């Protein structure tokens, strides 16, 4: 399992992989989880994809996109503000320059590759490790995310527990939760699978 970080100025270069990512998001969020998301042509996109985010992808040995996440600065337009406006009004959510937002996290755990008998799929752990690694490389100390209770349980099992901000709430068919995650070496070492290999885009390393 390989990980790849694609910054905004490399989107055109990796257009085929990003198209596969949008197809994966449609299959997982709309097809498997039944989220109330808009799809077109078998792809899921939203307004936050127009903000030129960094994408984290997990790639199988067959060059298939099997996991993805979207990263945007927490100080700019973000999903937390859209989904949990009361957290912004109350001051519970306090974005700062060292905070990044992770959204649209998903993994195709039906893939046979990466099933080594552990409690979590290698693709899931690879995604967690790469999100942390990218954040540290780019000077971020905290990750904020709006997710669901299922992912919160997976984070706990991986040894990367999320600190909730606010109470769970129903959004469509989903019980959503907002929370904070540390981006530090200790968390990286806990979640990194034995097979972990990241490929942070050269353009990213120069940023």
N, C-alpha and C. Protein backbone atom coordinates (compact mmCIF):
# COMPACT_ATOMS: atom_id res chain seq x y z
N UNK A 1 0.84 -1.19 0.00
CA UNK A 1 0.00 0.00 0.00
C UNK A 1 0.88 1.25 0.00
N UNK A 2 0.60 2.15 -0.90
CA UNK A 2 1.37 3.38 -1.05
C UNK A 2 0.46 4.57 -0.79
N UNK A 3 1.03 5.64 -0.24
CA UNK A 3 0.26 6.86 -0.01
C UNK A 3 0.83 7.98 -0.86
N UNK A 4 -0.06 8.88 -1.26
CA UNK A 4 0.33 9.99 -2.11
C UNK A 4 -0.39 11.24 -1.64
N UNK A 5 0.35 12.34 -1.52
CA UNK A 5 -0.23 13.64 -1.20
C UNK A 5 -0.17 14.50 -2.45
N UNK A 6 -1.31 15.03 -2.88
CA UNK A 6 -1.38 15.82 -4.10
C UNK A 6 -1.80 17.24 -3.75
N UNK A 7 -0.87 18.20 -3.80
CA UNK A 7 -1.20 19.58 -3.49
C UNK A 7 -1.95 20.25 -4.63
N UNK A 8 -2.43 21.45 -4.40
CA UNK A 8 -3.30 22.11 -5.36
C UNK A 8 -2.63 22.34 -6.71
N UNK A 9 -1.33 22.64 -6.72
CA UNK A 9 -0.68 22.93 -7.99
C UNK A 9 -0.30 21.68 -8.77
N UNK A 10 -0.66 20.50 -8.26
CA UNK A 10 -0.39 19.25 -8.97
C UNK A 10 -1.68 18.54 -9.39
N UNK A 11 -2.84 19.18 -9.21
CA UNK A 11 -4.10 18.53 -9.54
C UNK A 11 -4.16 18.11 -11.01
N UNK A 12 -3.70 18.98 -11.90
CA UNK A 12 -3.76 18.63 -13.33
C UNK A 12 -2.86 17.45 -13.65
N UNK A 13 -1.72 17.39 -13.00
CA UNK A 13 -0.77 16.32 -13.24
C UNK A 13 -1.32 14.96 -12.83
N UNK A 14 -2.14 14.96 -11.81
CA UNK A 14 -2.70 13.71 -11.27
C UNK A 14 -4.21 13.62 -11.52
N UNK A 15 -4.66 14.16 -12.65
CA UNK A 15 -6.10 14.24 -12.93
C UNK A 15 -6.77 12.86 -12.93
N UNK A 16 -6.09 11.85 -13.48
CA UNK A 16 -6.70 10.51 -13.54
C UNK A 16 -6.91 9.94 -12.14
N UNK A 17 -5.92 10.11 -11.26
CA UNK A 17 -6.08 9.61 -9.90
C UNK A 17 -7.18 10.37 -9.16
N UNK A 18 -7.27 11.67 -9.39
CA UNK A 18 -8.31 12.45 -8.71
C UNK A 18 -9.70 12.08 -9.23
N UNK A 19 -9.79 11.75 -10.52
CA UNK A 19 -11.07 11.28 -11.05
C UNK A 19 -11.46 9.97 -10.37
N UNK A 20 -10.50 9.07 -10.18
CA UNK A 20 -10.77 7.82 -9.46
C UNK A 20 -11.18 8.09 -8.02
N UNK A 21 -10.59 9.10 -7.41
CA UNK A 21 -10.94 9.47 -6.04
C UNK A 21 -12.41 9.90 -5.96
N UNK A 22 -12.85 10.73 -6.90
CA UNK A 22 -14.24 11.19 -6.88
C UNK A 22 -15.20 10.02 -7.11
N UNK A 23 -14.79 9.05 -7.91
CA UNK A 23 -15.61 7.85 -8.10
C UNK A 23 -15.67 7.02 -6.81
N UNK A 24 -14.54 6.91 -6.13
CA UNK A 24 -14.52 6.20 -4.85
C UNK A 24 -15.44 6.87 -3.85
N UNK A 25 -15.37 8.19 -3.77
CA UNK A 25 -16.24 8.92 -2.84
C UNK A 25 -17.72 8.66 -3.13
N UNK A 26 -18.09 8.61 -4.40
CA UNK A 26 -19.48 8.32 -4.76
C UNK A 26 -19.87 6.91 -4.32
N UNK A 27 -18.99 5.94 -4.57
CA UNK A 27 -19.30 4.56 -4.20
C UNK A 27 -19.45 4.40 -2.70
N UNK A 28 -18.56 5.05 -1.93
CA UNK A 28 -18.59 4.86 -0.48
C UNK A 28 -19.68 5.70 0.16
N UNK A 29 -19.69 7.00 -0.09
CA UNK A 29 -20.61 7.88 0.63
C UNK A 29 -22.05 7.72 0.17
N UNK A 30 -22.27 7.67 -1.13
CA UNK A 30 -23.64 7.55 -1.66
C UNK A 30 -24.09 6.10 -1.68
N UNK A 31 -23.23 5.23 -2.23
CA UNK A 31 -23.65 3.85 -2.43
C UNK A 31 -23.64 3.01 -1.17
N UNK A 32 -22.52 3.03 -0.44
CA UNK A 32 -22.38 2.13 0.71
C UNK A 32 -22.96 2.71 1.99
N UNK A 33 -22.69 3.99 2.25
CA UNK A 33 -23.11 4.59 3.52
C UNK A 33 -24.45 5.31 3.44
N UNK A 34 -24.91 5.60 2.24
CA UNK A 34 -26.20 6.25 2.08
C UNK A 34 -26.24 7.70 2.54
N UNK A 35 -25.09 8.38 2.48
CA UNK A 35 -25.06 9.79 2.86
C UNK A 35 -25.84 10.62 1.84
N UNK A 36 -26.34 11.74 2.31
CA UNK A 36 -27.06 12.67 1.44
C UNK A 36 -26.08 13.59 0.74
N UNK A 37 -25.37 13.03 -0.25
CA UNK A 37 -24.39 13.80 -1.03
C UNK A 37 -24.80 13.79 -2.49
N UNK A 38 -24.41 14.82 -3.21
CA UNK A 38 -24.74 14.92 -4.63
C UNK A 38 -23.69 14.20 -5.46
N UNK A 39 -24.15 13.40 -6.42
CA UNK A 39 -23.25 12.73 -7.35
C UNK A 39 -23.68 13.03 -8.76
N UNK A 40 -22.72 13.02 -9.66
CA UNK A 40 -22.99 13.23 -11.08
C UNK A 40 -21.99 12.41 -11.88
N UNK A 41 -22.52 11.61 -12.79
CA UNK A 41 -21.65 10.77 -13.60
C UNK A 41 -20.85 9.78 -12.79
N UNK A 42 -21.40 9.33 -11.66
CA UNK A 42 -20.71 8.37 -10.80
C UNK A 42 -19.59 8.97 -9.98
N UNK A 43 -19.59 10.31 -9.82
CA UNK A 43 -18.55 11.00 -9.06
C UNK A 43 -19.19 11.88 -7.99
N UNK A 44 -18.54 11.99 -6.84
CA UNK A 44 -19.03 12.88 -5.77
C UNK A 44 -18.07 14.05 -5.62
N UNK A 45 -18.61 15.25 -5.73
CA UNK A 45 -17.84 16.48 -5.50
C UNK A 45 -18.73 17.46 -4.74
N UNK A 46 -18.10 18.45 -4.11
CA UNK A 46 -18.87 19.52 -3.49
C UNK A 46 -18.10 20.83 -3.64
N UNK A 47 -18.65 21.89 -3.03
CA UNK A 47 -18.06 23.22 -3.22
C UNK A 47 -16.65 23.34 -2.64
N UNK A 48 -16.31 22.50 -1.68
CA UNK A 48 -14.99 22.59 -1.06
C UNK A 48 -13.88 22.04 -1.97
N UNK A 49 -14.26 21.22 -2.96
CA UNK A 49 -13.27 20.76 -3.92
C UNK A 49 -12.81 21.88 -4.84
N UNK A 50 -13.59 22.96 -4.94
CA UNK A 50 -13.19 24.09 -5.78
C UNK A 50 -12.16 24.99 -5.11
N UNK A 51 -11.86 24.73 -3.83
CA UNK A 51 -10.93 25.58 -3.08
C UNK A 51 -9.49 25.11 -3.20
N UNK A 52 -9.23 24.19 -4.13
CA UNK A 52 -7.86 23.70 -4.42
C UNK A 52 -7.20 23.09 -3.19
N UNK A 53 -7.83 22.07 -2.60
CA UNK A 53 -7.25 21.44 -1.41
C UNK A 53 -6.06 20.56 -1.74
N UNK A 54 -5.41 20.07 -0.71
CA UNK A 54 -4.48 18.95 -0.84
C UNK A 54 -5.28 17.67 -0.64
N UNK A 55 -5.06 16.69 -1.50
CA UNK A 55 -5.71 15.39 -1.37
C UNK A 55 -4.69 14.35 -0.93
N UNK A 56 -5.10 13.52 0.01
CA UNK A 56 -4.31 12.37 0.43
C UNK A 56 -4.97 11.12 -0.16
N UNK A 57 -4.18 10.31 -0.87
CA UNK A 57 -4.72 9.10 -1.50
C UNK A 57 -3.94 7.88 -1.04
N UNK A 58 -4.65 6.78 -0.86
CA UNK A 58 -4.01 5.47 -0.68
C UNK A 58 -4.15 4.71 -1.99
N UNK A 59 -3.02 4.19 -2.47
CA UNK A 59 -2.97 3.53 -3.78
C UNK A 59 -2.58 2.07 -3.59
N UNK A 60 -3.34 1.16 -4.20
CA UNK A 60 -3.03 -0.26 -4.10
C UNK A 60 -1.89 -0.62 -5.05
N UNK A 61 -1.40 -1.85 -4.94
CA UNK A 61 -0.33 -2.32 -5.82
C UNK A 61 -0.79 -2.39 -7.27
N UNK A 62 -2.13 -2.41 -7.48
CA UNK A 62 -2.69 -2.40 -8.83
C UNK A 62 -2.97 -0.98 -9.31
N UNK A 63 -2.43 0.01 -8.57
CA UNK A 63 -2.58 1.43 -8.91
C UNK A 63 -4.02 1.91 -8.82
N UNK A 64 -4.80 1.30 -7.94
CA UNK A 64 -6.18 1.73 -7.71
C UNK A 64 -6.24 2.63 -6.50
N UNK A 65 -7.08 3.68 -6.57
CA UNK A 65 -7.30 4.55 -5.43
C UNK A 65 -8.26 3.84 -4.48
N UNK A 66 -7.78 3.53 -3.27
CA UNK A 66 -8.59 2.78 -2.32
C UNK A 66 -8.86 3.57 -1.04
N UNK A 67 -8.34 4.79 -0.96
CA UNK A 67 -8.60 5.64 0.20
C UNK A 67 -8.33 7.08 -0.16
N UNK A 68 -9.02 7.99 0.51
CA UNK A 68 -8.81 9.41 0.20
C UNK A 68 -9.23 10.28 1.38
N UNK A 69 -8.69 11.48 1.39
CA UNK A 69 -9.09 12.52 2.34
C UNK A 69 -8.76 13.86 1.70
N UNK A 70 -9.44 14.89 2.15
CA UNK A 70 -9.26 16.24 1.62
C UNK A 70 -8.80 17.16 2.75
N UNK A 71 -7.73 17.92 2.52
CA UNK A 71 -7.17 18.78 3.54
C UNK A 71 -7.25 20.25 3.10
N UNK A 72 -7.80 21.08 3.99
CA UNK A 72 -7.91 22.52 3.76
C UNK A 72 -7.55 23.26 5.04
N UNK A 73 -6.93 24.45 4.93
CA UNK A 73 -6.63 25.22 6.14
C UNK A 73 -7.90 25.50 6.94
N UNK A 74 -7.83 25.28 8.23
CA UNK A 74 -9.00 25.50 9.08
C UNK A 74 -9.38 26.97 9.18
N UNK A 75 -8.45 27.86 8.84
CA UNK A 75 -8.73 29.30 8.94
C UNK A 75 -9.52 29.82 7.75
N UNK A 76 -9.66 29.01 6.71
CA UNK A 76 -10.41 29.44 5.54
C UNK A 76 -11.80 28.81 5.53
N UNK A 77 -12.53 28.92 4.41
CA UNK A 77 -13.83 28.21 4.32
C UNK A 77 -13.63 26.73 4.59
N UNK A 78 -14.49 26.15 5.42
CA UNK A 78 -14.33 24.74 5.78
C UNK A 78 -15.66 24.11 6.10
N UNK A 79 -15.68 22.79 6.18
CA UNK A 79 -16.92 22.06 6.40
C UNK A 79 -17.42 22.18 7.83
N UNK A 80 -16.51 22.36 8.78
CA UNK A 80 -16.95 22.51 10.17
C UNK A 80 -17.89 23.71 10.29
N UNK A 81 -17.52 24.83 9.67
CA UNK A 81 -18.36 26.02 9.72
C UNK A 81 -19.71 25.76 9.06
N UNK A 82 -19.72 24.95 7.97
CA UNK A 82 -20.96 24.67 7.26
C UNK A 82 -21.86 23.69 8.01
N UNK A 83 -21.24 22.66 8.61
CA UNK A 83 -22.02 21.61 9.27
C UNK A 83 -22.35 21.92 10.73
N UNK A 84 -21.45 22.65 11.39
CA UNK A 84 -21.61 22.92 12.82
C UNK A 84 -21.48 24.42 13.11
N UNK A 85 -22.35 25.25 12.55
CA UNK A 85 -22.20 26.70 12.74
C UNK A 85 -22.29 27.13 14.20
N UNK A 86 -22.99 26.34 15.03
CA UNK A 86 -23.11 26.70 16.45
C UNK A 86 -21.76 26.62 17.16
N UNK A 87 -20.86 25.73 16.69
CA UNK A 87 -19.54 25.63 17.30
C UNK A 87 -18.71 26.88 17.02
N UNK A 88 -18.95 27.48 15.86
CA UNK A 88 -18.27 28.73 15.52
C UNK A 88 -18.84 29.87 16.36
N UNK A 89 -20.16 29.94 16.45
CA UNK A 89 -20.79 31.03 17.21
C UNK A 89 -20.43 30.98 18.69
N UNK A 90 -20.33 29.77 19.24
CA UNK A 90 -20.05 29.63 20.67
C UNK A 90 -18.57 29.79 21.00
N UNK A 91 -17.72 29.76 19.97
CA UNK A 91 -16.28 29.84 20.21
C UNK A 91 -15.64 28.51 20.54
N UNK A 92 -16.42 27.41 20.49
CA UNK A 92 -15.86 26.08 20.74
C UNK A 92 -14.85 25.71 19.66
N UNK A 93 -15.14 26.09 18.44
CA UNK A 93 -14.22 25.86 17.33
C UNK A 93 -13.41 27.13 17.11
N UNK A 94 -12.11 27.04 17.40
CA UNK A 94 -11.22 28.20 17.30
C UNK A 94 -10.09 27.88 16.33
N UNK A 95 -10.28 28.10 15.04
CA UNK A 95 -9.23 27.79 14.06
C UNK A 95 -8.01 28.69 14.23
N UNK A 96 -6.85 28.15 13.92
CA UNK A 96 -5.61 28.91 13.98
C UNK A 96 -4.69 28.43 12.87
N UNK A 97 -3.60 29.15 12.57
CA UNK A 97 -2.77 28.80 11.41
C UNK A 97 -2.12 27.42 11.47
N UNK A 98 -2.01 26.83 12.65
CA UNK A 98 -1.40 25.51 12.77
C UNK A 98 -2.46 24.40 12.81
N UNK A 99 -3.68 24.69 12.33
CA UNK A 99 -4.77 23.71 12.30
C UNK A 99 -5.19 23.47 10.86
N UNK A 100 -5.34 22.21 10.48
CA UNK A 100 -5.80 21.82 9.16
C UNK A 100 -7.12 21.07 9.32
N UNK A 101 -8.00 21.19 8.33
CA UNK A 101 -9.24 20.43 8.36
C UNK A 101 -9.15 19.24 7.42
N UNK A 102 -9.54 18.07 7.91
CA UNK A 102 -9.64 16.86 7.09
C UNK A 102 -11.11 16.55 6.86
N UNK A 103 -11.47 16.31 5.60
CA UNK A 103 -12.85 15.98 5.29
C UNK A 103 -12.88 14.94 4.17
N UNK A 104 -14.06 14.41 3.92
CA UNK A 104 -14.29 13.40 2.89
C UNK A 104 -13.32 12.22 3.00
N UNK A 105 -13.08 11.78 4.24
CA UNK A 105 -12.23 10.61 4.47
C UNK A 105 -13.03 9.34 4.16
N UNK A 106 -12.46 8.48 3.35
CA UNK A 106 -13.09 7.17 3.13
C UNK A 106 -12.05 6.17 2.65
N UNK A 107 -12.34 4.89 2.88
CA UNK A 107 -11.45 3.79 2.49
C UNK A 107 -12.30 2.64 1.99
N UNK A 108 -11.87 2.01 0.91
CA UNK A 108 -12.53 0.81 0.41
C UNK A 108 -11.92 -0.40 1.12
N UNK A 109 -12.53 -0.79 2.22
CA UNK A 109 -11.98 -1.89 3.03
C UNK A 109 -12.35 -3.26 2.47
N UNK A 110 -13.04 -3.30 1.33
CA UNK A 110 -13.34 -4.60 0.70
C UNK A 110 -12.13 -5.15 -0.04
N UNK A 111 -11.11 -4.35 -0.21
CA UNK A 111 -9.90 -4.77 -0.93
C UNK A 111 -9.19 -5.86 -0.15
N UNK A 112 -8.83 -6.95 -0.82
CA UNK A 112 -8.12 -8.05 -0.16
C UNK A 112 -6.72 -7.63 0.26
N UNK A 113 -6.05 -6.84 -0.59
CA UNK A 113 -4.71 -6.36 -0.24
C UNK A 113 -4.79 -5.51 1.03
N UNK A 114 -3.90 -5.78 1.97
CA UNK A 114 -3.89 -5.01 3.21
C UNK A 114 -4.61 -5.68 4.35
N UNK A 115 -5.18 -6.86 4.09
CA UNK A 115 -5.81 -7.63 5.17
C UNK A 115 -4.78 -8.61 5.72
N UNK A 116 -4.08 -8.17 6.74
CA UNK A 116 -3.01 -9.00 7.29
C UNK A 116 -3.40 -9.61 8.63
N UNK A 117 -4.67 -9.60 8.93
CA UNK A 117 -5.14 -10.21 10.17
C UNK A 117 -5.29 -9.22 11.31
N UNK A 118 -4.94 -7.96 11.08
CA UNK A 118 -5.09 -6.96 12.12
C UNK A 118 -6.54 -6.51 12.24
N UNK A 119 -6.82 -5.71 13.25
CA UNK A 119 -8.20 -5.27 13.47
C UNK A 119 -8.62 -4.20 12.48
N UNK A 120 -7.66 -3.50 11.88
CA UNK A 120 -7.97 -2.46 10.92
C UNK A 120 -7.23 -2.72 9.61
N UNK A 121 -7.85 -2.33 8.51
CA UNK A 121 -7.26 -2.51 7.20
C UNK A 121 -6.03 -1.62 7.04
N UNK A 122 -5.01 -2.13 6.34
CA UNK A 122 -3.79 -1.35 6.12
C UNK A 122 -4.08 -0.03 5.42
N UNK A 123 -5.06 -0.02 4.53
CA UNK A 123 -5.39 1.22 3.82
C UNK A 123 -5.86 2.29 4.79
N UNK A 124 -6.63 1.90 5.79
CA UNK A 124 -7.11 2.85 6.79
C UNK A 124 -5.94 3.41 7.59
N UNK A 125 -5.06 2.54 8.05
CA UNK A 125 -3.90 2.99 8.83
C UNK A 125 -2.95 3.82 7.98
N UNK A 126 -2.79 3.43 6.72
CA UNK A 126 -1.93 4.20 5.81
C UNK A 126 -2.47 5.61 5.64
N UNK A 127 -3.78 5.74 5.50
CA UNK A 127 -4.38 7.07 5.37
C UNK A 127 -4.14 7.89 6.63
N UNK A 128 -4.37 7.30 7.80
CA UNK A 128 -4.15 8.04 9.05
C UNK A 128 -2.70 8.50 9.15
N UNK A 129 -1.76 7.60 8.87
CA UNK A 129 -0.34 7.93 8.99
C UNK A 129 0.06 9.05 8.03
N UNK A 130 -0.46 9.00 6.81
CA UNK A 130 -0.08 10.01 5.82
C UNK A 130 -0.67 11.37 6.15
N UNK A 131 -1.89 11.40 6.65
CA UNK A 131 -2.49 12.67 7.08
C UNK A 131 -1.64 13.31 8.17
N UNK A 132 -1.21 12.49 9.14
CA UNK A 132 -0.37 13.02 10.22
C UNK A 132 0.98 13.46 9.67
N UNK A 133 1.61 12.63 8.82
CA UNK A 133 2.92 12.97 8.27
C UNK A 133 2.86 14.27 7.47
N UNK A 134 1.87 14.38 6.59
CA UNK A 134 1.73 15.59 5.79
C UNK A 134 1.55 16.82 6.69
N UNK A 135 0.72 16.67 7.70
CA UNK A 135 0.46 17.80 8.61
C UNK A 135 1.74 18.25 9.30
N UNK A 136 2.51 17.29 9.81
CA UNK A 136 3.75 17.66 10.49
C UNK A 136 4.74 18.32 9.53
N UNK A 137 4.89 17.76 8.33
CA UNK A 137 5.81 18.31 7.35
C UNK A 137 5.46 19.76 7.02
N UNK A 138 4.17 20.07 7.04
CA UNK A 138 3.71 21.40 6.64
C UNK A 138 3.41 22.33 7.81
N UNK A 139 3.84 21.95 9.01
CA UNK A 139 3.75 22.84 10.15
C UNK A 139 2.41 22.88 10.87
N UNK A 140 1.57 21.88 10.64
CA UNK A 140 0.28 21.81 11.34
C UNK A 140 0.40 20.91 12.57
N UNK A 141 -0.18 21.35 13.66
CA UNK A 141 -0.14 20.61 14.92
C UNK A 141 -1.48 19.96 15.27
N UNK A 142 -2.57 20.47 14.70
CA UNK A 142 -3.90 19.95 15.00
C UNK A 142 -4.67 19.71 13.71
N UNK A 143 -5.53 18.70 13.78
CA UNK A 143 -6.41 18.37 12.66
C UNK A 143 -7.83 18.39 13.19
N UNK A 144 -8.69 19.17 12.54
CA UNK A 144 -10.10 19.21 12.91
C UNK A 144 -10.88 18.46 11.84
N UNK A 145 -11.90 17.75 12.23
CA UNK A 145 -12.68 16.99 11.26
C UNK A 145 -14.13 16.89 11.70
N UNK A 146 -15.00 16.88 10.73
CA UNK A 146 -16.40 16.53 10.96
C UNK A 146 -16.64 15.18 10.35
N UNK A 147 -16.98 14.20 11.17
CA UNK A 147 -17.10 12.83 10.68
C UNK A 147 -18.30 12.16 11.33
N UNK A 148 -18.33 10.85 11.35
CA UNK A 148 -19.45 10.15 11.98
C UNK A 148 -18.95 9.24 13.10
N UNK A 149 -19.89 8.66 13.82
CA UNK A 149 -19.52 7.84 14.97
C UNK A 149 -18.73 6.60 14.58
N UNK A 150 -18.97 6.11 13.37
CA UNK A 150 -18.24 4.93 12.90
C UNK A 150 -16.74 5.23 12.79
N UNK A 151 -16.41 6.36 12.19
CA UNK A 151 -15.00 6.74 12.05
C UNK A 151 -14.40 7.06 13.41
N UNK A 152 -15.18 7.65 14.30
CA UNK A 152 -14.67 7.92 15.65
C UNK A 152 -14.24 6.63 16.33
N UNK A 153 -15.03 5.57 16.18
CA UNK A 153 -14.67 4.28 16.77
C UNK A 153 -13.41 3.72 16.14
N UNK A 154 -13.27 3.87 14.83
CA UNK A 154 -12.07 3.39 14.14
C UNK A 154 -10.83 4.14 14.62
N UNK A 155 -10.95 5.45 14.79
CA UNK A 155 -9.83 6.24 15.30
C UNK A 155 -9.40 5.74 16.68
N UNK A 156 -10.35 5.45 17.53
CA UNK A 156 -10.03 4.93 18.86
C UNK A 156 -9.29 3.60 18.77
N UNK A 157 -9.76 2.72 17.89
CA UNK A 157 -9.11 1.41 17.73
C UNK A 157 -7.69 1.55 17.18
N UNK A 158 -7.47 2.57 16.37
CA UNK A 158 -6.16 2.79 15.78
C UNK A 158 -5.18 3.41 16.77
N UNK A 159 -5.65 3.87 17.92
CA UNK A 159 -4.78 4.54 18.88
C UNK A 159 -4.59 6.02 18.60
N UNK A 160 -5.54 6.60 17.88
CA UNK A 160 -5.50 8.03 17.54
C UNK A 160 -6.85 8.64 17.93
N UNK A 161 -7.15 8.69 19.22
CA UNK A 161 -8.48 9.12 19.66
C UNK A 161 -8.76 10.58 19.34
N UNK A 162 -10.00 10.85 19.00
CA UNK A 162 -10.45 12.19 18.67
C UNK A 162 -11.07 12.86 19.90
N UNK A 163 -10.73 14.10 20.13
CA UNK A 163 -11.36 14.88 21.21
C UNK A 163 -12.57 15.61 20.64
N UNK A 164 -13.73 15.23 21.12
CA UNK A 164 -14.96 15.83 20.59
C UNK A 164 -15.06 17.32 20.92
N UNK A 165 -15.60 18.06 19.97
CA UNK A 165 -16.05 19.42 20.25
C UNK A 165 -17.53 19.46 19.86
N UNK A 166 -18.38 19.58 20.83
CA UNK A 166 -19.81 19.52 20.59
C UNK A 166 -20.35 18.11 20.71
N UNK A 167 -21.66 18.00 20.65
CA UNK A 167 -22.35 16.73 20.80
C UNK A 167 -22.71 16.15 19.42
N UNK A 168 -22.84 14.82 19.34
CA UNK A 168 -23.27 14.21 18.08
C UNK A 168 -24.64 14.73 17.66
N UNK A 169 -24.85 14.80 16.35
CA UNK A 169 -26.15 15.24 15.85
C UNK A 169 -26.47 14.55 14.54
N UNK A 170 -27.76 14.45 14.25
CA UNK A 170 -28.19 13.84 13.00
C UNK A 170 -28.07 14.86 11.87
N UNK A 171 -27.39 14.45 10.79
CA UNK A 171 -27.34 15.23 9.56
C UNK A 171 -27.74 14.27 8.45
N UNK A 172 -28.98 14.39 7.98
CA UNK A 172 -29.51 13.43 7.03
C UNK A 172 -29.62 12.07 7.68
N UNK A 173 -28.99 11.07 7.07
CA UNK A 173 -29.01 9.71 7.60
C UNK A 173 -27.80 9.42 8.49
N UNK A 174 -26.99 10.43 8.77
CA UNK A 174 -25.72 10.22 9.46
C UNK A 174 -25.73 10.87 10.84
N UNK A 175 -25.13 10.20 11.83
CA UNK A 175 -24.87 10.83 13.12
C UNK A 175 -23.48 11.43 13.06
N UNK A 176 -23.42 12.74 12.96
CA UNK A 176 -22.16 13.45 12.74
C UNK A 176 -21.57 13.92 14.06
N UNK A 177 -20.24 14.04 14.06
CA UNK A 177 -19.52 14.51 15.23
C UNK A 177 -18.32 15.33 14.76
N UNK A 178 -18.01 16.40 15.47
CA UNK A 178 -16.83 17.21 15.17
C UNK A 178 -15.79 16.94 16.25
N UNK A 179 -14.52 16.97 15.86
CA UNK A 179 -13.49 16.69 16.85
C UNK A 179 -12.12 17.13 16.39
N UNK A 180 -11.17 17.05 17.33
CA UNK A 180 -9.79 17.46 17.10
C UNK A 180 -8.87 16.25 17.26
N UNK A 181 -7.84 16.20 16.42
CA UNK A 181 -6.84 15.14 16.45
C UNK A 181 -5.45 15.76 16.50
N UNK A 182 -4.53 15.17 17.27
CA UNK A 182 -3.17 15.69 17.29
C UNK A 182 -2.38 15.26 16.06
N UNK A 183 -1.53 16.14 15.58
CA UNK A 183 -0.60 15.80 14.50
C UNK A 183 0.80 15.81 15.09
N UNK A 184 1.22 14.66 15.60
CA UNK A 184 2.52 14.58 16.27
C UNK A 184 3.17 13.23 16.01
N UNK A 185 4.44 13.14 16.36
CA UNK A 185 5.22 11.93 16.09
C UNK A 185 4.66 10.71 16.82
N UNK A 186 4.21 10.89 18.06
CA UNK A 186 3.70 9.76 18.83
C UNK A 186 2.47 9.16 18.15
N UNK A 187 1.57 10.02 17.67
CA UNK A 187 0.38 9.52 16.98
C UNK A 187 0.77 8.82 15.69
N UNK A 188 1.71 9.38 14.95
CA UNK A 188 2.18 8.78 13.71
C UNK A 188 2.73 7.38 13.94
N UNK A 189 3.55 7.22 14.96
CA UNK A 189 4.15 5.91 15.24
C UNK A 189 3.09 4.89 15.67
N UNK A 190 2.04 5.33 16.35
CA UNK A 190 1.00 4.39 16.79
C UNK A 190 0.18 3.87 15.61
N UNK A 191 -0.14 4.74 14.65
CA UNK A 191 -1.05 4.32 13.58
C UNK A 191 -0.32 3.73 12.37
N UNK A 192 0.96 3.98 12.22
CA UNK A 192 1.67 3.57 11.01
C UNK A 192 1.72 2.05 10.90
N UNK A 193 1.22 1.47 9.80
CA UNK A 193 1.29 0.01 9.63
C UNK A 193 2.71 -0.40 9.24
N UNK A 194 3.08 -1.67 9.44
CA UNK A 194 4.43 -2.13 9.10
C UNK A 194 4.81 -1.89 7.64
N UNK A 195 3.81 -1.93 6.76
CA UNK A 195 4.07 -1.79 5.32
C UNK A 195 4.06 -0.34 4.85
N UNK A 196 3.99 0.60 5.79
CA UNK A 196 3.78 2.00 5.41
C UNK A 196 4.87 2.54 4.51
N UNK A 197 4.43 3.16 3.41
CA UNK A 197 5.35 3.84 2.50
C UNK A 197 4.63 5.04 1.91
N UNK A 198 5.06 6.24 2.25
CA UNK A 198 4.41 7.43 1.72
C UNK A 198 5.22 8.00 0.57
N UNK A 199 4.52 8.68 -0.30
CA UNK A 199 5.19 9.39 -1.39
C UNK A 199 4.62 10.81 -1.36
N UNK A 200 5.25 11.67 -0.56
CA UNK A 200 4.82 13.05 -0.54
C UNK A 200 5.32 13.70 -1.81
N UNK A 201 4.40 14.26 -2.56
CA UNK A 201 4.72 14.83 -3.87
C UNK A 201 5.92 15.76 -3.78
N UNK A 202 6.90 15.68 -4.72
CA UNK A 202 8.07 16.58 -4.66
C UNK A 202 7.69 18.05 -4.58
N UNK A 203 6.62 18.44 -5.26
CA UNK A 203 6.18 19.84 -5.19
C UNK A 203 5.76 20.19 -3.78
N UNK A 204 5.20 19.20 -3.08
CA UNK A 204 4.78 19.42 -1.70
C UNK A 204 6.00 19.63 -0.79
N UNK A 205 7.02 18.82 -0.98
CA UNK A 205 8.21 18.96 -0.13
C UNK A 205 8.88 20.31 -0.32
N UNK A 206 8.74 20.89 -1.50
CA UNK A 206 9.36 22.19 -1.75
C UNK A 206 8.52 23.35 -1.25
N UNK A 207 7.28 23.06 -0.85
CA UNK A 207 6.37 24.14 -0.43
C UNK A 207 6.77 24.68 0.93
